[in-house]
Amino acid sequence: MYALQSSSLQIIRHTPAVLRELLHHFLVKPNVHLRGIFFITLIMQFIRQLLAGRQATVKIKEL
């Protein structure tokens, strides 16, 4: 029981440090993070188009 409380307190203590580090990364290297977001957006668009093409193929085959 005590170990669980201790680990919970450690998580609470470390959370501000982790958030501060993330904020630092976004402020210091925004271009790196923006490139990552842009890349993920491109991948999602590609997957969406791929799925739409498959769906259209299935509908054509059903006719």
Protein backbone atom coordinates (compact mmCIF):
# COMPACT_ATOMS: atom_id res chain seq x y z
CA MET A 1 0.00 0.00 0.00
CA TYR A 2 2.81 2.39 0.90
CA ALA A 3 4.66 1.61 -2.35
CA LEU A 4 1.58 2.54 -4.36
CA GLN A 5 1.27 5.87 -2.56
CA SER A 6 4.97 6.52 -3.03
CA SER A 7 4.85 5.87 -6.79
CA SER A 8 1.75 8.06 -7.12
CA LEU A 9 3.55 10.90 -5.38
CA GLN A 10 6.57 10.46 -7.65
CA ILE A 11 4.35 10.70 -10.74
CA ILE A 12 2.77 13.87 -9.39
CA ARG A 13 6.21 15.33 -8.61
CA HIS A 14 7.63 14.50 -12.05
CA THR A 15 4.66 15.74 -14.09
CA PRO A 16 5.61 19.46 -14.00
CA ALA A 17 9.17 18.63 -15.06
CA VAL A 18 7.95 16.55 -17.99
CA LEU A 19 5.51 19.26 -19.09
CA ARG A 20 8.23 21.90 -18.77
CA GLU A 21 10.56 19.82 -20.93
CA LEU A 22 7.87 19.36 -23.61
CA LEU A 23 7.17 23.08 -23.64
CA HIS A 24 10.90 23.74 -23.96
CA HIS A 25 11.14 21.43 -26.98
CA PHE A 26 8.18 23.10 -28.67
CA LEU A 27 9.61 26.57 -28.07
CA VAL A 28 13.22 25.81 -28.98
CA LYS A 29 12.65 23.49 -31.94
CA PRO A 30 9.22 24.30 -33.37
CA ASN A 31 10.24 23.45 -36.93
CA VAL A 32 11.08 19.87 -35.94
CA HIS A 33 7.67 19.36 -34.37
CA LEU A 34 5.83 21.11 -37.19
CA ARG A 35 7.55 18.86 -39.72
CA GLY A 36 6.40 15.84 -37.75
CA ILE A 37 2.83 17.09 -37.62
CA PHE A 38 2.92 17.89 -41.36
CA PHE A 39 4.25 14.39 -42.12
CA ILE A 40 1.52 12.73 -40.05
CA THR A 41 -1.10 14.84 -41.85
CA LEU A 42 0.23 13.69 -45.23
CA ILE A 43 0.13 10.05 -44.13
CA MET A 44 -3.44 10.40 -42.88
CA GLN A 45 -4.55 11.98 -46.16
CA PHE A 46 -2.90 9.17 -48.11
CA ILE A 47 -4.60 6.51 -45.99
CA ARG A 48 -7.97 8.26 -46.33
CA GLN A 49 -7.63 8.38 -50.12
CA LEU A 50 -6.52 4.75 -50.20
CA LEU A 51 -9.56 3.66 -48.18
CA ALA A 52 -11.89 5.79 -50.31
CA GLY A 53 -10.48 4.13 -53.44
CA ARG A 54 -11.01 0.68 -51.98
CA GLN A 55 -14.56 1.56 -51.00
CA ALA A 56 -15.26 2.83 -54.52
CA THR A 57 -13.80 -0.39 -55.96
CA VAL A 58 -16.07 -2.51 -53.78
CA LYS A 59 -19.13 -0.49 -54.85
CA ILE A 60 -18.21 -0.89 -58.53
CA LYS A 61 -17.84 -4.65 -58.10
CA GLU A 62 -21.27 -4.81 -56.43
CA LEU A 63 -22.92 -3.24 -59.48
